[in-house]
Protein backbone atom coordinates (compact mmCIF):
# COMPACT_ATOMS: atom_id res chain seq x y z
CA MET A 1 -29.21 -54.41 25.68
CA LEU A 2 -28.48 -56.54 22.60
CA ARG A 3 -28.25 -53.41 20.42
CA THR A 4 -25.80 -51.80 22.87
CA LEU A 5 -23.79 -55.02 23.00
CA LEU A 6 -23.52 -55.13 19.23
CA ILE A 7 -22.49 -51.46 19.01
CA VAL A 8 -19.69 -52.10 21.49
CA TYR A 9 -18.46 -55.06 19.51
CA ILE A 10 -18.64 -52.95 16.33
CA THR A 11 -16.17 -50.61 18.01
CA LEU A 12 -14.03 -53.61 18.96
CA PHE A 13 -13.88 -54.86 15.38
CA SER A 14 -13.23 -51.40 13.93
CA ILE A 15 -10.28 -51.06 16.24
CA SER A 16 -9.03 -54.53 15.33
CA VAL A 17 -9.04 -53.64 11.63
CA ASN A 18 -7.21 -50.36 12.20
CA LEU A 19 -4.56 -52.20 14.21
CA VAL A 20 -3.71 -54.80 11.59
CA ASN A 21 -0.23 -53.30 11.23
CA ALA A 22 0.30 -52.77 14.96
CA GLU A 23 3.58 -54.00 16.37
CA PRO A 24 3.27 -57.26 18.33
CA LEU A 25 4.05 -57.25 22.01
CA THR A 26 7.64 -57.98 22.87
CA PRO A 27 8.57 -60.90 25.12
CA GLU A 28 9.48 -58.44 27.88
CA THR A 29 5.92 -57.09 27.97
CA THR A 30 4.22 -60.52 27.78
CA ILE A 31 3.12 -61.92 31.12
CA ALA A 32 3.63 -65.59 31.99
CA SER A 33 0.05 -66.53 31.28
CA PRO A 34 -1.19 -64.62 28.15
CA ILE A 35 -4.32 -66.75 27.86
CA VAL A 36 -5.34 -65.75 31.36
CA GLU A 37 -4.75 -62.11 30.43
CA LEU A 38 -7.08 -62.40 27.45
CA GLN A 39 -9.74 -64.02 29.62
CA GLN A 40 -9.39 -61.26 32.20
CA LEU A 41 -9.75 -58.59 29.53
CA GLU A 42 -12.80 -60.35 28.12
CA SER A 43 -14.31 -60.56 31.61
CA SER A 44 -13.65 -56.84 32.20
CA ILE A 45 -15.27 -55.94 28.88
CA ASN A 46 -18.35 -58.06 29.69
CA LYS A 47 -18.72 -56.43 33.13
CA ASP A 48 -18.47 -52.94 31.64
CA MET A 49 -21.01 -53.82 28.95
CA LYS A 50 -23.50 -54.88 31.61
CA LYS A 51 -23.11 -51.47 33.26
CA LEU A 52 -23.95 -49.57 30.06
CA SER A 53 -27.70 -50.10 30.35
CA SER A 54 -27.82 -48.60 33.87
CA THR A 55 -25.55 -45.57 33.37
CA ASN A 56 -26.02 -42.22 31.67
CA GLY A 57 -24.15 -39.05 30.83
CA GLU A 58 -20.43 -38.77 31.38
CA MET A 59 -20.23 -42.02 33.37
CA LYS A 60 -21.55 -43.89 30.34
CA GLN A 61 -18.95 -42.19 28.16
CA PHE A 62 -16.27 -43.22 30.65
CA ILE A 63 -17.38 -46.88 30.59
CA GLU A 64 -17.44 -46.86 26.77
CA TYR A 65 -13.92 -45.43 26.84
CA ARG A 66 -12.78 -48.29 29.14
CA ILE A 67 -14.34 -50.86 26.83
CA LYS A 68 -12.54 -49.40 23.81
CA GLU A 69 -9.22 -49.37 25.66
CA HIS A 70 -9.62 -52.98 26.81
CA ALA A 71 -10.73 -54.05 23.33
CA ASN A 72 -7.59 -52.45 21.94
CA GLN A 73 -5.44 -54.38 24.40
CA PHE A 74 -7.37 -57.60 23.64
CA HIS A 75 -6.68 -57.35 19.93
CA ASN A 76 -2.99 -56.52 20.41
CA LYS A 77 -2.44 -59.45 22.73
CA LEU A 78 -4.38 -61.86 20.53
CA LYS A 79 -2.41 -60.81 17.46
CA ALA A 80 0.86 -61.10 19.40
CA LEU A 81 -0.04 -64.58 20.56
CA MET A 82 -0.90 -65.64 17.01
CA SER A 83 2.55 -64.49 15.86
CA ASP A 84 4.40 -66.20 18.74
CA LYS A 85 5.98 -69.36 17.32
CA ASP A 86 6.76 -70.87 20.74
CA LEU A 87 3.24 -70.68 22.13
CA ASP A 88 0.75 -73.54 22.09
CA LYS A 89 -1.93 -71.91 19.97
CA THR A 90 -4.54 -74.59 20.59
CA ALA A 91 -5.42 -72.77 23.80
CA LEU A 92 -6.33 -69.73 21.68
CA LEU A 93 -8.86 -71.64 19.58
CA PRO A 94 -11.88 -71.03 21.87
CA LEU A 95 -11.11 -67.31 22.06
CA VAL A 96 -10.72 -66.97 18.29
CA LYS A 97 -13.94 -68.91 17.70
CA GLU A 98 -15.79 -66.62 20.10
CA HIS A 99 -14.24 -63.66 18.32
CA PHE A 100 -15.55 -64.97 15.00
CA ALA A 101 -19.00 -65.48 16.51
CA PHE A 102 -19.03 -61.83 17.61
CA ILE A 103 -18.21 -60.79 14.04
CA ASN A 104 -21.14 -62.80 12.69
CA GLN A 105 -23.46 -61.19 15.24
CA VAL A 106 -22.36 -57.72 14.21
CA GLY A 107 -22.73 -58.65 10.54
CA ASP A 108 -26.31 -59.78 11.19
CA TYR A 109 -27.00 -56.53 13.03
CA TYR A 110 -25.74 -54.51 10.07
CA ALA A 111 -27.81 -56.58 7.64
CA GLN A 112 -30.97 -55.95 9.70
CA ASP A 113 -30.17 -52.26 9.92
CA ILE A 114 -29.70 -52.02 6.15
CA GLU A 115 -33.05 -53.77 5.57
CA VAL A 116 -34.69 -51.14 7.78
CA PHE A 117 -33.22 -48.39 5.60
CA LYS A 118 -34.39 -50.16 2.43
CA ALA A 119 -37.93 -50.41 3.81
CA LYS A 120 -38.02 -46.62 4.26
CA LEU A 121 -37.19 -45.91 0.60
CA GLY A 122 -40.09 -44.47 -1.37
CA LYS A 123 -41.85 -43.20 1.75
CA ASN A 124 -39.72 -40.24 2.75
CA ASP A 125 -36.53 -38.44 1.74
CA ASP A 126 -34.88 -41.06 -0.50
CA LEU A 127 -31.72 -38.99 -1.00
CA ASN A 128 -30.79 -38.90 2.70
CA ILE A 129 -31.99 -42.43 3.35
CA MET A 130 -29.91 -43.76 0.46
CA PHE A 131 -26.89 -41.85 1.75
CA SER A 132 -27.37 -43.39 5.22
CA LEU A 133 -27.69 -46.82 3.66
CA VAL A 134 -24.48 -46.39 1.65
CA ASN A 135 -22.72 -45.07 4.74
CA ARG A 136 -23.84 -48.16 6.68
CA GLU A 137 -22.55 -50.35 3.87
CA ARG A 138 -19.23 -48.52 4.18
CA GLU A 139 -19.13 -49.43 7.89
CA ARG A 140 -19.60 -53.09 6.99
CA ASP A 141 -16.20 -53.00 5.28
CA ASP A 142 -14.45 -53.19 8.66
CA ILE A 143 -16.54 -56.22 9.59
CA LEU A 144 -15.62 -58.00 6.36
CA ARG A 145 -11.92 -57.29 6.88
CA ALA A 146 -12.10 -58.57 10.45
CA LYS A 147 -13.99 -61.67 9.32
CA TYR A 148 -11.36 -62.54 6.74
CA GLU A 149 -8.52 -61.96 9.22
CA THR A 150 -10.18 -64.13 11.84
CA LEU A 151 -10.68 -66.88 9.27
CA THR A 152 -6.94 -66.86 8.58
CA TRP A 153 -6.32 -67.21 12.32
CA LEU A 154 -8.71 -70.19 12.50
CA GLU A 155 -6.99 -71.76 9.51
CA THR A 156 -3.62 -71.28 11.21
CA LEU A 157 -4.97 -73.04 14.30
CA GLY A 158 -5.92 -76.06 12.20
CA GLU A 159 -9.63 -75.43 11.70
CA ASP A 160 -11.29 -76.39 8.44
CA VAL A 161 -12.72 -73.13 7.10
CA THR A 162 -13.25 -74.21 3.49
CA VAL A 163 -17.04 -73.96 3.66
CA ILE A 164 -16.93 -70.65 5.53
CA LYS A 165 -14.45 -69.21 3.02
CA ALA A 166 -16.63 -70.33 0.12
CA LYS A 167 -19.65 -68.66 1.71
CA LEU A 168 -17.64 -65.48 2.36
CA THR A 169 -16.48 -65.51 -1.27
CA ASP A 170 -20.08 -65.81 -2.53
CA ASN A 171 -21.16 -62.95 -0.28
CA LEU A 172 -18.30 -60.76 -1.47
CA LEU A 173 -19.05 -61.51 -5.13
CA ALA A 174 -22.71 -60.60 -4.64
CA ARG A 175 -21.76 -57.51 -2.67
CA SER A 176 -19.25 -56.33 -5.29
CA ASP A 177 -21.82 -56.85 -8.07
CA MET A 178 -24.35 -54.74 -6.15
CA LEU A 179 -21.79 -52.01 -5.43
CA ASN A 180 -20.67 -52.04 -9.06
CA SER A 181 -24.22 -51.40 -10.23
CA LEU A 182 -24.76 -48.76 -7.56
CA VAL A 183 -21.66 -46.85 -8.69
CA HIS A 184 -22.90 -46.77 -12.30
CA PHE A 185 -26.42 -45.81 -11.20
CA THR A 186 -25.18 -42.97 -8.99
CA GLN A 187 -22.78 -41.78 -11.71
CA ASP A 188 -25.70 -41.45 -14.15
CA LYS A 189 -27.77 -39.54 -11.58
CA LEU A 190 -24.82 -37.23 -10.93
CA LYS A 191 -24.40 -36.52 -14.64
CA ASN A 192 -28.09 -35.65 -14.95
CA ALA A 193 -27.92 -33.42 -11.86
CA VAL A 194 -24.88 -31.55 -13.22
CA ASP A 195 -26.61 -31.08 -16.59
CA ASP A 196 -29.71 -29.68 -14.88
CA ALA A 197 -27.59 -27.26 -12.81
CA ALA A 198 -25.69 -26.14 -15.90
CA THR A 199 -28.95 -25.51 -17.76
CA ALA A 200 -30.28 -23.49 -14.82
CA GLY A 201 -27.19 -21.26 -14.89
CA LYS A 202 -27.54 -18.36 -12.45
CA ASP A 203 -30.95 -19.68 -11.38
CA VAL A 204 -29.42 -22.86 -9.94
CA THR A 205 -31.05 -23.66 -6.58
CA SER A 206 -29.51 -24.76 -3.32
CA GLU A 207 -31.39 -28.06 -3.66
CA GLN A 208 -29.61 -28.74 -6.94
CA THR A 209 -26.17 -28.01 -5.50
CA THR A 210 -26.98 -30.11 -2.42
CA LEU A 211 -28.02 -33.01 -4.67
CA ILE A 212 -24.72 -32.82 -6.56
CA THR A 213 -22.75 -32.81 -3.31
CA LYS A 214 -24.70 -35.76 -1.89
CA LEU A 215 -24.28 -37.82 -5.06
CA LYS A 216 -20.54 -37.16 -5.12
CA GLU A 217 -20.27 -38.31 -1.51
CA ARG A 218 -22.31 -41.40 -2.32
CA ILE A 219 -19.99 -42.27 -5.22
CA SER A 220 -16.98 -41.80 -2.96
CA LEU A 221 -18.37 -44.11 -0.26
CA THR A 222 -19.58 -46.74 -2.71
CA SER A 223 -16.26 -46.75 -4.59
CA ALA A 224 -14.39 -47.17 -1.31
CA SER A 225 -16.58 -50.15 -0.38
CA LEU A 226 -16.08 -51.64 -3.83
CA SER A 227 -12.32 -51.24 -3.39
CA VAL A 228 -12.46 -53.16 -0.09
CA ALA A 229 -14.48 -55.96 -1.70
CA ILE A 230 -11.96 -56.16 -4.53
CA ASP A 231 -9.07 -56.37 -2.07
CA LEU A 232 -10.68 -59.25 -0.15
CA LEU A 233 -11.61 -61.10 -3.35
CA ASP A 234 -7.99 -60.82 -4.49
CA LYS A 235 -6.89 -62.44 -1.24
CA LEU A 236 -9.45 -65.17 -1.87
CA GLU A 237 -7.85 -65.70 -5.34
CA GLN A 238 -10.84 -64.47 -7.35
CA ASP A 239 -10.67 -62.73 -10.74
CA THR A 240 -11.46 -59.04 -10.14
CA SER A 241 -10.06 -57.45 -13.29
CA SER A 242 -13.50 -56.38 -14.57
CA LEU A 243 -14.40 -54.87 -11.20
CA LYS A 244 -11.11 -52.99 -11.07
CA GLN A 245 -11.68 -51.76 -14.60
CA THR A 246 -15.08 -50.41 -13.57
CA LEU A 247 -13.63 -48.79 -10.46
CA PHE A 248 -10.92 -47.10 -12.52
CA SER A 249 -13.07 -45.96 -15.43
CA ILE A 250 -16.03 -44.76 -13.33
CA SER A 251 -14.54 -43.27 -10.18
CA GLY A 252 -10.97 -42.62 -11.34
CA ASP A 253 -9.65 -44.47 -8.29
CA ILE A 254 -6.11 -45.30 -9.44
CA THR A 255 -4.45 -47.61 -6.94
CA GLN A 256 -1.73 -50.18 -7.05
CA ASP A 257 -4.33 -52.94 -7.13
CA VAL A 258 -6.20 -51.40 -10.05
CA LEU A 259 -3.13 -50.89 -12.20
CA ASN A 260 -2.43 -54.53 -12.95
CA ILE A 261 -1.83 -56.17 -16.32
CA ASP A 262 -5.38 -57.42 -16.88
CA VAL A 263 -7.04 -54.09 -16.11
CA ALA A 264 -4.51 -52.07 -18.09
CA SER A 265 -4.79 -54.36 -21.14
CA ASN A 266 -8.60 -54.25 -21.10
CA LEU A 267 -8.65 -50.46 -20.80
CA LEU A 268 -6.04 -49.96 -23.50
CA GLU A 269 -7.94 -52.28 -25.81
CA GLN A 270 -11.18 -50.37 -25.29
CA TRP A 271 -9.50 -47.01 -25.77
CA TRP A 272 -7.70 -48.18 -28.90
CA ASP A 273 -10.90 -49.53 -30.48
CA THR A 274 -12.76 -46.32 -29.69
CA ALA A 275 -9.95 -44.13 -31.05
CA LYS A 276 -9.65 -46.25 -34.21
CA ASN A 277 -13.36 -46.09 -34.97
CA GLN A 278 -13.47 -42.36 -34.35
CA ALA A 279 -10.44 -41.80 -36.56
CA ILE A 280 -11.96 -43.78 -39.45
CA ASP A 281 -15.42 -42.24 -39.23
CA ASN A 282 -14.67 -38.66 -38.23
CA GLY A 283 -10.92 -38.29 -38.81
CA PRO A 284 -10.80 -35.75 -41.69
CA GLY A 285 -13.50 -33.50 -40.27
CA MET A 286 -12.01 -33.63 -36.78
CA MET A 287 -8.52 -32.81 -38.07
CA PHE A 288 -9.88 -29.74 -39.87
CA LYS A 289 -11.72 -28.63 -36.71
CA VAL A 290 -8.57 -29.10 -34.63
CA PHE A 291 -6.61 -27.03 -37.19
CA ILE A 292 -9.20 -24.23 -36.98
CA PHE A 293 -9.15 -24.49 -33.18
CA VAL A 294 -5.35 -24.10 -32.99
CA LEU A 295 -5.39 -21.30 -35.60
CA ILE A 296 -8.01 -19.31 -33.67
CA LEU A 297 -6.04 -19.70 -30.43
CA PHE A 298 -2.86 -18.54 -32.17
CA LEU A 299 -4.59 -15.48 -33.62
CA ALA A 300 -6.24 -14.76 -30.25
CA SER A 301 -2.82 -14.90 -28.58
CA LEU A 302 -1.37 -12.42 -31.09
CA ALA A 303 -4.40 -10.15 -30.73
CA GLY A 304 -4.13 -10.29 -26.93
CA LYS A 305 -0.47 -9.22 -27.01
CA ALA A 306 -1.29 -6.38 -29.44
CA VAL A 307 -4.11 -5.17 -27.20
CA GLN A 308 -1.80 -5.33 -24.17
CA ARG A 309 0.74 -3.09 -25.92
CA ILE A 310 -1.96 -0.57 -26.84
CA ILE A 311 -3.40 -0.55 -23.31
CA LYS A 312 0.09 -0.21 -21.80
CA LYS A 313 0.84 2.85 -23.91
CA THR A 314 -2.57 4.32 -23.11
CA VAL A 315 -2.51 3.93 -19.33
CA SER A 316 1.15 4.99 -19.00
CA ASN A 317 0.46 8.26 -20.85
CA SER A 318 -2.93 8.89 -19.30
CA LYS A 319 -3.50 12.19 -17.51
CA LEU A 320 -5.33 10.26 -14.80
CA LYS A 321 -1.95 9.06 -13.45
CA PHE A 322 -2.93 5.45 -12.83
CA SER A 323 -1.01 3.58 -10.13
CA HIS A 324 1.40 0.84 -11.15
CA LEU A 325 -1.03 -1.76 -9.81
CA LEU A 326 -3.91 -0.32 -11.83
CA GLN A 327 -1.76 -0.17 -14.95
CA ASP A 328 -0.69 -3.81 -14.55
CA PHE A 329 -4.30 -4.78 -13.88
CA PHE A 330 -5.64 -3.18 -17.06
CA ILE A 331 -2.78 -4.53 -19.19
CA SER A 332 -3.12 -8.09 -17.90
CA LEU A 333 -6.93 -8.06 -17.97
CA SER A 334 -7.14 -6.79 -21.55
CA GLY A 335 -4.93 -9.57 -22.89
CA LYS A 336 -6.78 -12.27 -20.94
CA ILE A 337 -10.20 -11.03 -22.09
CA VAL A 338 -9.15 -11.13 -25.74
CA PHE A 339 -7.69 -14.62 -25.35
CA ALA A 340 -10.80 -15.84 -23.47
CA LEU A 341 -13.05 -14.60 -26.29
CA GLY A 342 -10.81 -16.37 -28.79
CA LEU A 343 -10.95 -19.57 -26.71
CA MET A 344 -14.77 -19.53 -26.67
CA ILE A 345 -14.89 -18.99 -30.43
CA ALA A 346 -12.41 -21.84 -30.88
CA LEU A 347 -14.44 -24.17 -28.66
CA SER A 348 -17.58 -23.38 -30.63
CA GLN A 349 -15.75 -24.60 -33.76
CA LEU A 350 -15.28 -27.98 -32.04
CA GLY A 351 -19.01 -28.26 -31.44
CA PHE A 352 -19.17 -27.15 -27.80
CA GLU A 353 -22.35 -25.34 -26.77
CA LEU A 354 -21.23 -22.11 -25.14
CA GLY A 355 -24.44 -21.56 -23.15
CA PRO A 356 -24.25 -24.68 -20.95
CA LEU A 357 -20.47 -24.27 -20.78
CA LEU A 358 -20.74 -20.75 -19.37
CA ALA A 359 -23.48 -21.90 -17.01
CA GLY A 360 -21.19 -24.69 -15.84
CA PHE A 361 -18.46 -22.14 -15.21
CA GLY A 362 -20.98 -20.19 -13.15
CA VAL A 363 -21.76 -23.20 -10.96
CA ALA A 364 -18.06 -23.98 -10.64
CA GLY A 365 -17.44 -20.35 -9.72
CA VAL A 366 -19.91 -20.58 -6.84
CA ILE A 367 -18.23 -23.73 -5.52
CA ILE A 368 -14.74 -22.29 -5.93
CA GLY A 369 -15.88 -19.08 -4.25
CA PHE A 370 -16.86 -20.96 -1.10
CA ALA A 371 -13.55 -22.85 -1.13
CA LEU A 372 -11.43 -19.71 -1.62
CA GLN A 373 -13.11 -17.24 0.71
CA ASP A 374 -9.85 -15.96 2.20
CA THR A 375 -8.25 -15.53 -1.21
CA LEU A 376 -11.31 -13.68 -2.50
CA SER A 377 -11.17 -11.44 0.56
CA ASN A 378 -7.59 -10.55 -0.34
CA PHE A 379 -8.68 -9.98 -3.93
CA ALA A 380 -11.49 -7.64 -2.84
CA SER A 381 -9.07 -5.70 -0.64
CA GLY A 382 -6.67 -5.49 -3.58
CA MET A 383 -9.46 -3.99 -5.69
CA MET A 384 -10.14 -1.36 -3.01
CA ILE A 385 -6.42 -0.53 -2.88
CA LEU A 386 -6.44 -0.34 -6.67
CA ILE A 387 -9.38 2.08 -6.70
CA TYR A 388 -8.47 4.37 -3.78
CA ARG A 389 -4.66 4.23 -4.32
CA PRO A 390 -3.50 4.72 -0.71
CA TYR A 391 0.03 3.80 -1.82
CA ASP A 392 1.99 2.78 -4.89
CA VAL A 393 5.17 0.91 -5.76
CA GLY A 394 8.17 2.75 -4.30
CA ASP A 395 6.25 4.42 -1.45
CA LEU A 396 7.47 4.10 2.14
CA ILE A 397 4.48 3.00 4.20
CA ASN A 398 3.53 1.76 7.64
CA ALA A 399 0.71 -0.80 7.42
CA ALA A 400 -0.27 -4.03 9.20
CA GLY A 401 2.38 -3.26 11.84
CA VAL A 402 5.18 -3.18 9.24
CA THR A 403 7.25 -0.24 8.03
CA GLY A 404 9.01 -0.50 4.69
CA ARG A 405 9.06 0.43 1.02
CA VAL A 406 6.56 -1.15 -1.38
CA SER A 407 8.50 -3.22 -3.90
CA GLN A 408 5.69 -5.14 -5.60
CA MET A 409 1.88 -5.17 -5.63
CA SER A 410 -0.78 -7.60 -6.82
CA LEU A 411 -4.49 -8.00 -6.28
CA VAL A 412 -3.84 -10.61 -3.59
CA SER A 413 -0.77 -9.41 -1.69
CA THR A 414 1.73 -6.58 -1.29
CA THR A 415 5.47 -7.13 -1.05
CA ILE A 416 7.24 -4.73 1.34
CA LYS A 417 10.99 -4.41 1.77
CA THR A 418 11.71 -3.24 5.31
CA LEU A 419 14.33 -0.66 6.24
CA ASP A 420 16.71 -3.45 7.32
CA ASN A 421 16.25 -5.13 3.90
CA GLN A 422 13.78 -7.91 4.80
CA ARG A 423 11.17 -8.91 2.25
CA LEU A 424 7.66 -9.33 3.66
CA ILE A 425 4.64 -10.51 1.67
CA ILE A 426 1.46 -9.24 3.36
CA PRO A 427 -2.11 -10.28 2.35
CA ASN A 428 -4.08 -7.28 1.13
CA ASN A 429 -6.97 -7.81 3.55
CA LYS A 430 -4.60 -7.30 6.50
CA ILE A 431 -3.38 -4.02 4.99
CA TRP A 432 -6.80 -2.70 3.99
CA GLY A 433 -8.30 -3.65 7.35
CA ASP A 434 -5.67 -1.63 9.23
CA THR A 435 -4.45 1.97 9.30
CA ILE A 436 -2.28 2.80 6.27
CA ASN A 437 0.40 5.44 6.85
CA ASN A 438 1.97 6.53 3.56
CA ILE A 439 5.15 8.25 4.68
CA THR A 440 6.47 9.40 1.31
CA VAL A 441 3.25 10.31 -0.51
CA GLU A 442 3.66 14.01 0.44
CA HIS A 443 6.58 16.01 -0.94
CA GLN A 444 7.40 17.64 2.42
CA ARG A 445 7.77 16.23 5.89
CA ARG A 446 8.31 17.95 9.23
CA VAL A 447 11.05 16.81 11.58
CA ASP A 448 9.92 17.15 15.21
CA MET A 449 12.73 17.56 17.76
CA THR A 450 12.84 18.81 21.35
CA PHE A 451 15.96 20.24 23.08
CA GLY A 452 16.20 21.31 26.73
CA ILE A 453 18.47 23.87 28.45
CA GLY A 454 19.02 24.66 32.08
CA TYR A 455 16.98 27.26 33.96
CA GLY A 456 20.14 29.31 34.46
CA ASP A 457 21.03 29.51 30.75
CA ASP A 458 20.31 32.41 28.37
CA ILE A 459 17.06 31.68 26.50
CA GLU A 460 17.73 34.22 23.72
CA LYS A 461 21.18 32.82 23.12
CA ALA A 462 19.94 29.24 22.99
CA GLU A 463 17.15 30.16 20.56
CA THR A 464 19.65 31.98 18.29
CA VAL A 465 21.96 28.96 18.27
CA LEU A 466 19.13 26.55 17.43
CA ARG A 467 17.78 28.72 14.61
CA GLY A 468 21.24 29.19 13.18
CA ILE A 469 21.83 25.42 13.09
CA VAL A 470 18.55 24.79 11.28
CA ASP A 471 18.93 27.64 8.79
CA LYS A 472 22.45 26.57 7.79
CA HIS A 473 21.59 22.93 7.09
CA PRO A 474 21.50 22.44 3.27
CA LYS A 475 18.67 19.92 3.31
CA VAL A 476 16.25 22.02 5.36
CA LEU A 477 13.59 23.64 3.15
CA LYS A 478 13.14 27.40 3.20
CA GLN A 479 9.40 27.05 2.76
CA PRO A 480 7.58 26.32 4.99
CA GLU A 481 9.80 28.16 7.46
CA PRO A 482 11.33 26.15 10.29
CA THR A 483 9.81 26.57 13.75
CA VAL A 484 12.06 27.24 16.76
CA LYS A 485 10.02 28.14 19.85
CA LEU A 486 10.19 27.90 23.62
CA HIS A 487 7.72 25.13 24.38
CA LEU A 488 7.68 23.96 28.01
CA LEU A 489 9.05 24.85 31.41
CA GLY A 490 9.78 21.34 32.57
CA GLU A 491 10.70 19.99 35.99
CA SER A 492 14.44 20.25 35.31
CA SER A 493 14.76 21.98 31.93
CA VAL A 494 13.48 24.69 29.64
CA ASP A 495 12.38 22.89 26.45
CA PHE A 496 12.54 24.24 22.90
CA VAL A 497 10.73 22.65 19.94
CA VAL A 498 12.68 22.64 16.68
CA ARG A 499 10.57 21.73 13.62
CA PRO A 500 12.25 22.10 10.21
CA TRP A 501 10.62 20.94 6.96
CA VAL A 502 12.48 18.53 4.67
CA LYS A 503 11.97 16.19 1.75
CA PRO A 504 10.78 12.75 2.90
CA GLU A 505 14.00 11.05 1.82
CA ASP A 506 16.06 13.58 3.88
CA TYR A 507 14.17 13.08 7.14
CA TRP A 508 16.68 11.00 9.06
CA ASP A 509 19.73 12.83 7.70
CA VAL A 510 18.40 16.14 9.02
CA TYR A 511 17.28 14.60 12.31
CA TRP A 512 20.68 13.07 13.02
CA ASP A 513 22.71 16.05 11.75
CA VAL A 514 20.79 18.64 13.74
CA THR A 515 20.90 16.57 16.93
CA ARG A 516 24.67 16.19 16.62
CA GLU A 517 25.24 19.86 15.83
CA VAL A 518 23.08 21.03 18.77
CA LYS A 519 25.16 19.03 21.22
CA MET A 520 28.42 20.40 19.81
CA ARG A 521 27.26 24.04 19.69
CA PHE A 522 25.73 23.95 23.17
CA ASP A 523 29.05 22.72 24.49
CA GLN A 524 30.89 25.53 22.70
CA GLU A 525 28.48 28.21 23.91
CA LYS A 526 28.49 26.85 27.48
CA ILE A 527 24.78 26.10 27.33
CA SER A 528 23.91 23.23 29.65
CA ILE A 529 21.75 20.30 28.69
CA PRO A 530 19.97 19.12 31.87
CA PHE A 531 19.72 15.45 32.69
CA PRO A 532 18.12 13.67 35.65
CA GLN A 533 20.38 13.71 38.70
CA ARG A 534 20.06 13.34 42.44
CA ASP A 535 21.87 15.21 45.24
CA VAL A 536 22.56 13.22 48.38
CA HIS A 537 23.09 15.20 51.60
CA ILE A 538 24.68 13.45 54.58
CA TYR A 539 24.23 14.93 58.05
CA GLN A 540 26.24 13.80 61.04
CA THR A 541 24.46 13.99 64.36
CA ASP A 542 25.75 13.56 67.85
CA LYS A 543 24.35 10.58 69.64
């Protein structure tokens, strides 16, 4: 029961910290007796807490939800009352004192819980236990914030909190010193873990990558707790410049609090001393290495451009008829490979070991691969499009539910300009995973049209008219020969199929021209074109 009680009050204090900036209640929403309201809320919370031990399942979740809601209201009303200048705040003193007592109880609970975690170290999985311990320390941050805020309320109400503030300051100093050491310790372990993974290269194990991830999370949590301790110590008028310097230099946590004059001056002084000593001891040799490094990069850049020109001329004149995408791919890849080789040679001149560096790139590649799965899927689809060449720049295609002309291609996406001049950028995996209809890849295309005549019209005459229209059109190809045949005897018409062959770019011109000419010629030749109609017969009967 005590453990459940403390957990509930942990929730209460977490909510109170998150609501520090909440707007105070307006006079219109404040009832005549706010103290009574607070007492009623406290009574409701106590009743619900007593029910927790005898409930289970969804009912227990519902009661916890009620407690959280009432705790939220309690904090808002208490904060509003503390900011009300016209209220006699002495009546709030017992409630604030009880609030502070709750905070101390929760703090003791956390301290006991942390000691339990410490006792387990060395007996089981230290990595996970240490992570749980650090995570629990992170949860204590809310308690410390709430404790400081409640102390300010007690001080406002006239209580002497000098001794309590001094004790809180000592605790925060000890806590920040411990967190400072833990950050450095974890940073060293992370560096060793990264070095081991880089040495392993392709043989890096999942345990090694998991260790790196856990250590990074531990540094993040510990740095956040250290930042909270620094913030509270600043409010207690303590000198935290060295702690902020550690937080900045170790974790890279640049915040407004860190970037103050003391921290900046200390860091600049350290950096200047280091740079000065390095310049005196290794200046001439380093300058020569930097010159060689820049020279190699310059030569690699020139060589890359020269190779790109050679590859461009080769692939453009190749009898294999590479697609535009494949040509761009080879040209771009050749230049980047040459420059990458030059970069590695240049780095070796600066003293970098290429083996661990490449292994590090391999580990980074695995991590980046997991983070960019969708992009890599598009890249893989782009490679398949590059290899099988279902379309090229300038082709009119229907893919991914879009019809348009391909205006640009890359290994990640394809840019299509629709027939009504809209530009659509479609990921390659959507195109490759769907049916691709290349409309203009073939040099000839058949226009399929159907024309109906009435059952009383001359079939031979209609067929002669249709064939004459098709044969006389200048854009209809002679080979293959157009097809004009009687196709169906429909419900209200005799249907002919007319199927001339045209160039792909002439498709719609022929379709529209032939349709227009058929209507005009049928009218001239008195050939009817049936359309749905209904005859209504009215009979008059004698009643």
